[in-house]
């Protein structure tokens, strides 16, 4: 479990608005779960940026419209951080 008290999950956070949300939450001391459905490399880059701000980050790939993916992502998050305190639903279909 993390030393920080809050953990945030941000869907669709590999780029653009989601990336900005992750980095702002990281600046404020929250550990972050970076989510994307396709571009793992982009998500890993955002996670590395967050770690550079002094927090822990987890990349959890999966389509948040898929219940099985949500279960898997939830289990990964709980195993790593013990809790998810903040959820930002940012994913969108373009």
PDB file of N, CA and C in Angstrom:
ATOM      1  N   UNK A   1       0.843  -1.189   0.000  1.00  0.00           N
ATOM      2  CA  UNK A   1       0.000   0.000   0.000  1.00  0.00           C
ATOM      3  C   UNK A   1       0.879   1.240   0.000  1.00  0.00           C
ATOM      4  N   UNK A   2       0.357   2.285  -0.522  1.00  0.00           N
ATOM      5  CA  UNK A   2       1.078   3.526  -0.691  1.00  0.00           C
ATOM      6  C   UNK A   2       1.165   4.325   0.604  1.00  0.00           C
ATOM      7  N   UNK A   3       2.169   5.191   0.668  1.00  0.00           N
ATOM      8  CA  UNK A   3       2.296   6.082   1.821  1.00  0.00           C
ATOM      9  C   UNK A   3       1.338   7.267   1.738  1.00  0.00           C
ATOM     10  N   UNK A   4       0.908   7.624   0.540  1.00  0.00           N
ATOM     11  CA  UNK A   4      -0.029   8.732   0.378  1.00  0.00           C
ATOM     12  C   UNK A   4      -1.426   8.278   0.751  1.00  0.00           C
ATOM     13  N   UNK A   5      -2.249   9.220   1.153  1.00  0.00           N
ATOM     14  CA  UNK A   5      -3.559   8.849   1.653  1.00  0.00           C
ATOM     15  C   UNK A   5      -4.626   8.730   0.576  1.00  0.00           C
ATOM     16  N   UNK A   6      -4.425   9.337  -0.564  1.00  0.00           N
ATOM     17  CA  UNK A   6      -5.455   9.280  -1.606  1.00  0.00           C
ATOM     18  C   UNK A   6      -4.927   8.645  -2.878  1.00  0.00           C
ATOM     19  N   UNK A   7      -5.839   7.939  -3.536  1.00  0.00           N
ATOM     20  CA  UNK A   7      -5.535   7.342  -4.838  1.00  0.00           C
ATOM     21  C   UNK A   7      -6.650   7.716  -5.792  1.00  0.00           C
ATOM     22  N   UNK A   8      -6.275   8.125  -6.991  1.00  0.00           N
ATOM     23  CA  UNK A   8      -7.244   8.559  -7.999  1.00  0.00           C
ATOM     24  C   UNK A   8      -7.171   7.681  -9.241  1.00  0.00           C
ATOM     25  N   UNK A   9      -8.325   7.298  -9.733  1.00  0.00           N
ATOM     26  CA  UNK A   9      -8.450   6.583 -11.005  1.00  0.00           C
ATOM     27  C   UNK A   9      -9.001   7.563 -12.033  1.00  0.00           C
ATOM     28  N   UNK A  10      -8.305   7.696 -13.160  1.00  0.00           N
ATOM     29  CA  UNK A  10      -8.752   8.594 -14.228  1.00  0.00           C
ATOM     30  C   UNK A  10      -8.864   7.773 -15.504  1.00  0.00           C
ATOM     31  N   UNK A  11     -10.080   7.594 -15.984  1.00  0.00           N
ATOM     32  CA  UNK A  11     -10.256   6.858 -17.240  1.00  0.00           C
ATOM     33  C   UNK A  11      -9.865   7.756 -18.408  1.00  0.00           C
ATOM     34  N   UNK A  12      -9.392   7.131 -19.471  1.00  0.00           N
ATOM     35  CA  UNK A  12      -8.999   7.901 -20.652  1.00  0.00           C
ATOM     36  C   UNK A  12      -7.908   8.892 -20.350  1.00  0.00           C
ATOM     37  N   UNK A  13      -6.880   8.453 -19.630  1.00  0.00           N
ATOM     38  CA  UNK A  13      -5.887   9.419 -19.143  1.00  0.00           C
ATOM     39  C   UNK A  13      -4.535   9.329 -19.828  1.00  0.00           C
ATOM     40  N   UNK A  14      -4.476   8.727 -21.000  1.00  0.00           N
ATOM     41  CA  UNK A  14      -3.217   8.620 -21.717  1.00  0.00           C
ATOM     42  C   UNK A  14      -2.824   9.863 -22.491  1.00  0.00           C
ATOM     43  N   UNK A  15      -3.746  10.806 -22.609  1.00  0.00           N
ATOM     44  CA  UNK A  15      -3.430  12.021 -23.368  1.00  0.00           C
ATOM     45  C   UNK A  15      -4.435  13.122 -23.056  1.00  0.00           C
ATOM     46  N   UNK A  16      -4.171  14.288 -23.556  1.00  0.00           N
ATOM     47  CA  UNK A  16      -5.055  15.456 -23.527  1.00  0.00           C
ATOM     48  C   UNK A  16      -5.617  15.756 -22.138  1.00  0.00           C
ATOM     49  N   UNK A  17      -6.935  15.885 -22.025  1.00  0.00           N
ATOM     50  CA  UNK A  17      -7.559  16.284 -20.765  1.00  0.00           C
ATOM     51  C   UNK A  17      -7.268  15.276 -19.659  1.00  0.00           C
ATOM     52  N   UNK A  18      -7.350  13.990 -19.961  1.00  0.00           N
ATOM     53  CA  UNK A  18      -7.075  12.973 -18.958  1.00  0.00           C
ATOM     54  C   UNK A  18      -5.665  13.076 -18.406  1.00  0.00           C
ATOM     55  N   UNK A  19      -4.707  13.313 -19.289  1.00  0.00           N
ATOM     56  CA  UNK A  19      -3.316  13.493 -18.858  1.00  0.00           C
ATOM     57  C   UNK A  19      -3.205  14.679 -17.914  1.00  0.00           C
ATOM     58  N   UNK A  20      -3.823  15.775 -18.277  1.00  0.00           N
ATOM     59  CA  UNK A  20      -3.769  16.976 -17.435  1.00  0.00           C
ATOM     60  C   UNK A  20      -4.389  16.719 -16.062  1.00  0.00           C
ATOM     61  N   UNK A  21      -5.482  15.972 -16.028  1.00  0.00           N
ATOM     62  CA  UNK A  21      -6.132  15.650 -14.753  1.00  0.00           C
ATOM     63  C   UNK A  21      -5.193  14.802 -13.892  1.00  0.00           C
ATOM     64  N   UNK A  22      -4.597  13.767 -14.487  1.00  0.00           N
ATOM     65  CA  UNK A  22      -3.668  12.915 -13.745  1.00  0.00           C
ATOM     66  C   UNK A  22      -2.534  13.745 -13.154  1.00  0.00           C
ATOM     67  N   UNK A  23      -1.942  14.598 -13.953  1.00  0.00           N
ATOM     68  CA  UNK A  23      -0.801  15.369 -13.478  1.00  0.00           C
ATOM     69  C   UNK A  23      -1.191  16.373 -12.406  1.00  0.00           C
ATOM     70  N   UNK A  24      -2.362  16.951 -12.500  1.00  0.00           N
ATOM     71  CA  UNK A  24      -2.823  17.872 -11.451  1.00  0.00           C
ATOM     72  C   UNK A  24      -3.058  17.114 -10.141  1.00  0.00           C
ATOM     73  N   UNK A  25      -3.698  15.949 -10.226  1.00  0.00           N
ATOM     74  CA  UNK A  25      -3.908  15.148  -9.020  1.00  0.00           C
ATOM     75  C   UNK A  25      -2.577  14.712  -8.414  1.00  0.00           C
ATOM     76  N   UNK A  26      -1.618  14.363  -9.258  1.00  0.00           N
ATOM     77  CA  UNK A  26      -0.289  13.980  -8.767  1.00  0.00           C
ATOM     78  C   UNK A  26       0.397  15.162  -8.077  1.00  0.00           C
ATOM     79  N   UNK A  27       0.292  16.346  -8.663  1.00  0.00           N
ATOM     80  CA  UNK A  27       0.878  17.544  -8.041  1.00  0.00           C
ATOM     81  C   UNK A  27       0.291  17.780  -6.656  1.00  0.00           C
ATOM     82  N   UNK A  28      -0.963  17.396  -6.481  1.00  0.00           N
ATOM     83  CA  UNK A  28      -1.639  17.583  -5.195  1.00  0.00           C
ATOM     84  C   UNK A  28      -1.423  16.412  -4.241  1.00  0.00           C
ATOM     85  N   UNK A  29      -0.581  15.452  -4.650  1.00  0.00           N
ATOM     86  CA  UNK A  29      -0.187  14.377  -3.757  1.00  0.00           C
ATOM     87  C   UNK A  29      -0.949  13.077  -3.862  1.00  0.00           C
ATOM     88  N   UNK A  30      -1.829  12.958  -4.822  1.00  0.00           N
ATOM     89  CA  UNK A  30      -2.575  11.710  -4.979  1.00  0.00           C
ATOM     90  C   UNK A  30      -1.798  10.721  -5.839  1.00  0.00           C
ATOM     91  N   UNK A  31      -1.793   9.472  -5.412  1.00  0.00           N
ATOM     92  CA  UNK A  31      -1.326   8.404  -6.293  1.00  0.00           C
ATOM     93  C   UNK A  31      -2.336   8.304  -7.417  1.00  0.00           C
ATOM     94  N   UNK A  32      -1.903   7.822  -8.571  1.00  0.00           N
ATOM     95  CA  UNK A  32      -2.794   7.825  -9.729  1.00  0.00           C
ATOM     96  C   UNK A  32      -2.811   6.478 -10.440  1.00  0.00           C
ATOM     97  N   UNK A  33      -3.985   6.172 -10.979  1.00  0.00           N
ATOM     98  CA  UNK A  33      -4.169   5.010 -11.839  1.00  0.00           C
ATOM     99  C   UNK A  33      -4.472   5.573 -13.221  1.00  0.00           C
ATOM    100  N   UNK A  34      -3.555   5.331 -14.138  1.00  0.00           N
ATOM    101  CA  UNK A  34      -3.655   5.851 -15.504  1.00  0.00           C
ATOM    102  C   UNK A  34      -4.309   4.775 -16.355  1.00  0.00           C
ATOM    103  N   UNK A  35      -5.404   5.127 -17.001  1.00  0.00           N
ATOM    104  CA  UNK A  35      -6.178   4.163 -17.778  1.00  0.00           C
ATOM    105  C   UNK A  35      -6.297   4.589 -19.232  1.00  0.00           C
ATOM    106  N   UNK A  36      -6.227   3.612 -20.093  1.00  0.00           N
ATOM    107  CA  UNK A  36      -6.483   3.801 -21.507  1.00  0.00           C
ATOM    108  C   UNK A  36      -6.961   2.480 -22.074  1.00  0.00           C
ATOM    109  N   UNK A  37      -7.552   2.514 -23.244  1.00  0.00           N
ATOM    110  CA  UNK A  37      -8.047   1.264 -23.826  1.00  0.00           C
ATOM    111  C   UNK A  37      -7.121   0.722 -24.907  1.00  0.00           C
ATOM    112  N   UNK A  38      -6.260   1.556 -25.488  1.00  0.00           N
ATOM    113  CA  UNK A  38      -5.428   1.102 -26.597  1.00  0.00           C
ATOM    114  C   UNK A  38      -3.961   1.490 -26.526  1.00  0.00           C
ATOM    115  N   UNK A  39      -3.659   2.702 -26.156  1.00  0.00           N
ATOM    116  CA  UNK A  39      -2.297   3.218 -26.291  1.00  0.00           C
ATOM    117  C   UNK A  39      -1.519   3.106 -24.974  1.00  0.00           C
ATOM    118  N   UNK A  40      -0.978   1.921 -24.730  1.00  0.00           N
ATOM    119  CA  UNK A  40      -0.239   1.671 -23.489  1.00  0.00           C
ATOM    120  C   UNK A  40       0.977   2.593 -23.366  1.00  0.00           C
ATOM    121  N   UNK A  41       1.661   2.828 -24.468  1.00  0.00           N
ATOM    122  CA  UNK A  41       2.862   3.668 -24.436  1.00  0.00           C
ATOM    123  C   UNK A  41       2.534   5.077 -23.924  1.00  0.00           C
ATOM    124  N   UNK A  42       1.430   5.645 -24.390  1.00  0.00           N
ATOM    125  CA  UNK A  42       1.022   6.974 -23.933  1.00  0.00           C
ATOM    126  C   UNK A  42       0.701   6.954 -22.440  1.00  0.00           C
ATOM    127  N   UNK A  43       0.009   5.906 -21.991  1.00  0.00           N
ATOM    128  CA  UNK A  43      -0.331   5.786 -20.569  1.00  0.00           C
ATOM    129  C   UNK A  43       0.916   5.634 -19.712  1.00  0.00           C
ATOM    130  N   UNK A  44       1.865   4.865 -20.180  1.00  0.00           N
ATOM    131  CA  UNK A  44       3.116   4.692 -19.441  1.00  0.00           C
ATOM    132  C   UNK A  44       3.882   6.006 -19.339  1.00  0.00           C
ATOM    133  N   UNK A  45       3.828   6.813 -20.381  1.00  0.00           N
ATOM    134  CA  UNK A  45       4.489   8.118 -20.354  1.00  0.00           C
ATOM    135  C   UNK A  45       3.852   9.031 -19.308  1.00  0.00           C
ATOM    136  N   UNK A  46       2.525   9.048 -19.262  1.00  0.00           N
ATOM    137  CA  UNK A  46       1.819   9.866 -18.267  1.00  0.00           C
ATOM    138  C   UNK A  46       2.140   9.367 -16.861  1.00  0.00           C
ATOM    139  N   UNK A  47       2.144   8.058 -16.679  1.00  0.00           N
ATOM    140  CA  UNK A  47       2.468   7.484 -15.364  1.00  0.00           C
ATOM    141  C   UNK A  47       3.876   7.891 -14.934  1.00  0.00           C
ATOM    142  N   UNK A  48       4.828   7.861 -15.860  1.00  0.00           N
ATOM    143  CA  UNK A  48       6.196   8.261 -15.536  1.00  0.00           C
ATOM    144  C   UNK A  48       6.263   9.734 -15.135  1.00  0.00           C
ATOM    145  N   UNK A  49       5.487  10.564 -15.812  1.00  0.00           N
ATOM    146  CA  UNK A  49       5.429  11.985 -15.449  1.00  0.00           C
ATOM    147  C   UNK A  49       4.887  12.147 -14.032  1.00  0.00           C
ATOM    148  N   UNK A  50       3.868  11.383 -13.689  1.00  0.00           N
ATOM    149  CA  UNK A  50       3.286  11.452 -12.349  1.00  0.00           C
ATOM    150  C   UNK A  50       4.290  11.001 -11.293  1.00  0.00           C
ATOM    151  N   UNK A  51       4.982   9.915 -11.572  1.00  0.00           N
ATOM    152  CA  UNK A  51       6.009   9.431 -10.637  1.00  0.00           C
ATOM    153  C   UNK A  51       7.080  10.503 -10.434  1.00  0.00           C
ATOM    154  N   UNK A  52       7.397  11.213 -11.486  1.00  0.00           N
ATOM    155  CA  UNK A  52       8.355  12.307 -11.390  1.00  0.00           C
ATOM    156  C   UNK A  52       7.900  13.425 -10.466  1.00  0.00           C
ATOM    157  N   UNK A  53       6.623  13.476 -10.200  1.00  0.00           N
ATOM    158  CA  UNK A  53       6.072  14.474  -9.283  1.00  0.00           C
ATOM    159  C   UNK A  53       6.020  13.958  -7.842  1.00  0.00           C
ATOM    160  N   UNK A  54       6.517  12.738  -7.633  1.00  0.00           N
ATOM    161  CA  UNK A  54       6.642  12.228  -6.268  1.00  0.00           C
ATOM    162  C   UNK A  54       5.538  11.320  -5.771  1.00  0.00           C
ATOM    163  N   UNK A  55       4.700  10.818  -6.670  1.00  0.00           N
ATOM    164  CA  UNK A  55       3.634   9.904  -6.258  1.00  0.00           C
ATOM    165  C   UNK A  55       3.831   8.553  -6.922  1.00  0.00           C
ATOM    166  N   UNK A  56       3.004   7.606  -6.561  1.00  0.00           N
ATOM    167  CA  UNK A  56       3.022   6.304  -7.207  1.00  0.00           C
ATOM    168  C   UNK A  56       1.986   6.291  -8.323  1.00  0.00           C
ATOM    169  N   UNK A  57       2.257   5.502  -9.347  1.00  0.00           N
ATOM    170  CA  UNK A  57       1.333   5.416 -10.478  1.00  0.00           C
ATOM    171  C   UNK A  57       1.218   3.969 -10.935  1.00  0.00           C
ATOM    172  N   UNK A  58       0.037   3.622 -11.390  1.00  0.00           N
ATOM    173  CA  UNK A  58      -0.253   2.305 -11.947  1.00  0.00           C
ATOM    174  C   UNK A  58      -0.892   2.509 -13.304  1.00  0.00           C
ATOM    175  N   UNK A  59      -0.416   1.803 -14.304  1.00  0.00           N
ATOM    176  CA  UNK A  59      -1.062   1.804 -15.612  1.00  0.00           C
ATOM    177  C   UNK A  59      -2.017   0.623 -15.629  1.00  0.00           C
ATOM    178  N   UNK A  60      -3.293   0.896 -15.856  1.00  0.00           N
ATOM    179  CA  UNK A  60      -4.328  -0.142 -15.878  1.00  0.00           C
ATOM    180  C   UNK A  60      -5.089  -0.027 -17.197  1.00  0.00           C
ATOM    181  N   UNK A  61      -4.695  -0.834 -18.160  1.00  0.00           N
ATOM    182  CA  UNK A  61      -5.304  -0.774 -19.484  1.00  0.00           C
ATOM    183  C   UNK A  61      -6.627  -1.531 -19.500  1.00  0.00           C
ATOM    184  N   UNK A  62      -7.585  -0.999 -20.255  1.00  0.00           N
ATOM    185  CA  UNK A  62      -8.857  -1.667 -20.438  1.00  0.00           C
ATOM    186  C   UNK A  62      -9.949  -0.691 -20.794  1.00  0.00           C
ATOM    187  N   UNK A  63     -10.938  -1.176 -21.502  1.00  0.00           N
ATOM    188  CA  UNK A  63     -12.095  -0.387 -21.919  1.00  0.00           C
ATOM    189  C   UNK A  63     -13.062  -0.284 -20.739  1.00  0.00           C
ATOM    190  N   UNK A  64     -13.290   0.928 -20.240  1.00  0.00           N
ATOM    191  CA  UNK A  64     -14.155   1.097 -19.076  1.00  0.00           C
ATOM    192  C   UNK A  64     -15.631   0.866 -19.395  1.00  0.00           C
ATOM    193  N   UNK A  65     -15.948   0.584 -20.642  1.00  0.00           N
ATOM    194  CA  UNK A  65     -17.300   0.199 -21.014  1.00  0.00           C
ATOM    195  C   UNK A  65     -17.513  -1.307 -20.920  1.00  0.00           C
ATOM    196  N   UNK A  66     -16.471  -2.049 -20.584  1.00  0.00           N
ATOM    197  CA  UNK A  66     -16.511  -3.502 -20.493  1.00  0.00           C
ATOM    198  C   UNK A  66     -16.481  -3.924 -19.025  1.00  0.00           C
ATOM    199  N   UNK A  67     -17.571  -4.512 -18.511  1.00  0.00           N
ATOM    200  CA  UNK A  67     -17.627  -4.884 -17.095  1.00  0.00           C
ATOM    201  C   UNK A  67     -16.470  -5.781 -16.636  1.00  0.00           C
ATOM    202  N   UNK A  68     -16.045  -6.696 -17.481  1.00  0.00           N
ATOM    203  CA  UNK A  68     -14.928  -7.576 -17.091  1.00  0.00           C
ATOM    204  C   UNK A  68     -13.630  -6.781 -16.965  1.00  0.00           C
ATOM    205  N   UNK A  69     -13.409  -5.831 -17.850  1.00  0.00           N
ATOM    206  CA  UNK A  69     -12.221  -4.977 -17.755  1.00  0.00           C
ATOM    207  C   UNK A  69     -12.261  -4.150 -16.477  1.00  0.00           C
ATOM    208  N   UNK A  70     -13.431  -3.658 -16.129  1.00  0.00           N
ATOM    209  CA  UNK A  70     -13.581  -2.878 -14.889  1.00  0.00           C
ATOM    210  C   UNK A  70     -13.241  -3.731 -13.676  1.00  0.00           C
ATOM    211  N   UNK A  71     -13.712  -4.966 -13.652  1.00  0.00           N
ATOM    212  CA  UNK A  71     -13.385  -5.861 -12.533  1.00  0.00           C
ATOM    213  C   UNK A  71     -11.871  -6.076 -12.426  1.00  0.00           C
ATOM    214  N   UNK A  72     -11.239  -6.341 -13.564  1.00  0.00           N
ATOM    215  CA  UNK A  72      -9.794  -6.573 -13.562  1.00  0.00           C
ATOM    216  C   UNK A  72      -9.032  -5.326 -13.114  1.00  0.00           C
ATOM    217  N   UNK A  73      -9.402  -4.169 -13.650  1.00  0.00           N
ATOM    218  CA  UNK A  73      -8.749  -2.916 -13.276  1.00  0.00           C
ATOM    219  C   UNK A  73      -8.940  -2.640 -11.787  1.00  0.00           C
ATOM    220  N   UNK A  74     -10.143  -2.873 -11.293  1.00  0.00           N
ATOM    221  CA  UNK A  74     -10.428  -2.654  -9.873  1.00  0.00           C
ATOM    222  C   UNK A  74      -9.551  -3.528  -8.991  1.00  0.00           C
ATOM    223  N   UNK A  75      -9.416  -4.789  -9.369  1.00  0.00           N
ATOM    224  CA  UNK A  75      -8.591  -5.701  -8.582  1.00  0.00           C
ATOM    225  C   UNK A  75      -7.123  -5.273  -8.595  1.00  0.00           C
ATOM    226  N   UNK A  76      -6.628  -4.838  -9.749  1.00  0.00           N
ATOM    227  CA  UNK A  76      -5.247  -4.346  -9.840  1.00  0.00           C
ATOM    228  C   UNK A  76      -5.052  -3.138  -8.920  1.00  0.00           C
ATOM    229  N   UNK A  77      -6.005  -2.220  -8.974  1.00  0.00           N
ATOM    230  CA  UNK A  77      -5.912  -0.999  -8.170  1.00  0.00           C
ATOM    231  C   UNK A  77      -5.951  -1.302  -6.675  1.00  0.00           C
ATOM    232  N   UNK A  78      -6.871  -2.156  -6.282  1.00  0.00           N
ATOM    233  CA  UNK A  78      -6.990  -2.489  -4.858  1.00  0.00           C
ATOM    234  C   UNK A  78      -5.774  -3.250  -4.359  1.00  0.00           C
ATOM    235  N   UNK A  79      -5.239  -4.117  -5.181  1.00  0.00           N
ATOM    236  CA  UNK A  79      -4.047  -4.864  -4.798  1.00  0.00           C
ATOM    237  C   UNK A  79      -2.867  -3.904  -4.595  1.00  0.00           C
ATOM    238  N   UNK A  80      -2.737  -2.931  -5.461  1.00  0.00           N
ATOM    239  CA  UNK A  80      -1.603  -1.999  -5.400  1.00  0.00           C
ATOM    240  C   UNK A  80      -1.757  -0.942  -4.314  1.00  0.00           C
ATOM    241  N   UNK A  81      -2.962  -0.344  -4.215  1.00  0.00           N
ATOM    242  CA  UNK A  81      -3.132   0.811  -3.340  1.00  0.00           C
ATOM    243  C   UNK A  81      -4.057   0.578  -2.145  1.00  0.00           C
ATOM    244  N   UNK A  82      -4.861  -0.472  -2.183  1.00  0.00           N
ATOM    245  CA  UNK A  82      -5.759  -0.749  -1.066  1.00  0.00           C
ATOM    246  C   UNK A  82      -7.093  -0.028  -1.139  1.00  0.00           C
ATOM    247  N   UNK A  83      -7.141   1.057  -1.872  1.00  0.00           N
ATOM    248  CA  UNK A  83      -8.368   1.847  -1.984  1.00  0.00           C
ATOM    249  C   UNK A  83      -8.288   2.746  -3.219  1.00  0.00           C
ATOM    250  N   UNK A  84      -9.441   3.171  -3.682  1.00  0.00           N
ATOM    251  CA  UNK A  84      -9.524   4.221  -4.702  1.00  0.00           C
ATOM    252  C   UNK A  84     -10.453   5.273  -4.127  1.00  0.00           C
ATOM    253  N   UNK A  85      -9.924   6.462  -3.925  1.00  0.00           N
ATOM    254  CA  UNK A  85     -10.666   7.527  -3.263  1.00  0.00           C
ATOM    255  C   UNK A  85     -11.315   8.508  -4.225  1.00  0.00           C
ATOM    256  N   UNK A  86     -10.736   8.634  -5.405  1.00  0.00           N
ATOM    257  CA  UNK A  86     -11.208   9.609  -6.387  1.00  0.00           C
ATOM    258  C   UNK A  86     -11.377   8.885  -7.717  1.00  0.00           C
ATOM    259  N   UNK A  87     -12.496   9.132  -8.374  1.00  0.00           N
ATOM    260  CA  UNK A  87     -12.717   8.553  -9.702  1.00  0.00           C
ATOM    261  C   UNK A  87     -13.101   9.682 -10.651  1.00  0.00           C
ATOM    262  N   UNK A  88     -12.399   9.745 -11.767  1.00  0.00           N
ATOM    263  CA  UNK A  88     -12.713  10.729 -12.797  1.00  0.00           C
ATOM    264  C   UNK A  88     -13.058   9.962 -14.063  1.00  0.00           C
ATOM    265  N   UNK A  89     -14.294  10.109 -14.507  1.00  0.00           N
ATOM    266  CA  UNK A  89     -14.753   9.455 -15.731  1.00  0.00           C
ATOM    267  C   UNK A  89     -14.487  10.384 -16.917  1.00  0.00           C
ATOM    268  N   UNK A  90     -13.354  10.178 -17.544  1.00  0.00           N
ATOM    269  CA  UNK A  90     -12.931  11.042 -18.634  1.00  0.00           C
ATOM    270  C   UNK A  90     -12.960  10.346 -19.992  1.00  0.00           C
ATOM    271  N   UNK A  91     -13.036   9.027 -20.021  1.00  0.00           N
ATOM    272  CA  UNK A  91     -12.974   8.293 -21.285  1.00  0.00           C
ATOM    273  C   UNK A  91     -14.119   8.700 -22.200  1.00  0.00           C
ATOM    274  N   UNK A  92     -13.811   8.723 -23.488  1.00  0.00           N
ATOM    275  CA  UNK A  92     -14.830   9.090 -24.473  1.00  0.00           C
ATOM    276  C   UNK A  92     -14.608   8.308 -25.769  1.00  0.00           C
ATOM    277  N   UNK A  93     -15.665   8.118 -26.490  1.00  0.00           N
ATOM    278  CA  UNK A  93     -15.567   7.524 -27.815  1.00  0.00           C
ATOM    279  C   UNK A  93     -15.566   8.669 -28.812  1.00  0.00           C
ATOM    280  N   UNK A  94     -14.548   8.710 -29.637  1.00  0.00           N
ATOM    281  CA  UNK A  94     -14.439   9.812 -30.607  1.00  0.00           C
ATOM    282  C   UNK A  94     -14.807   9.315 -31.970  1.00  0.00           C
TER     283      UNK A  94
END
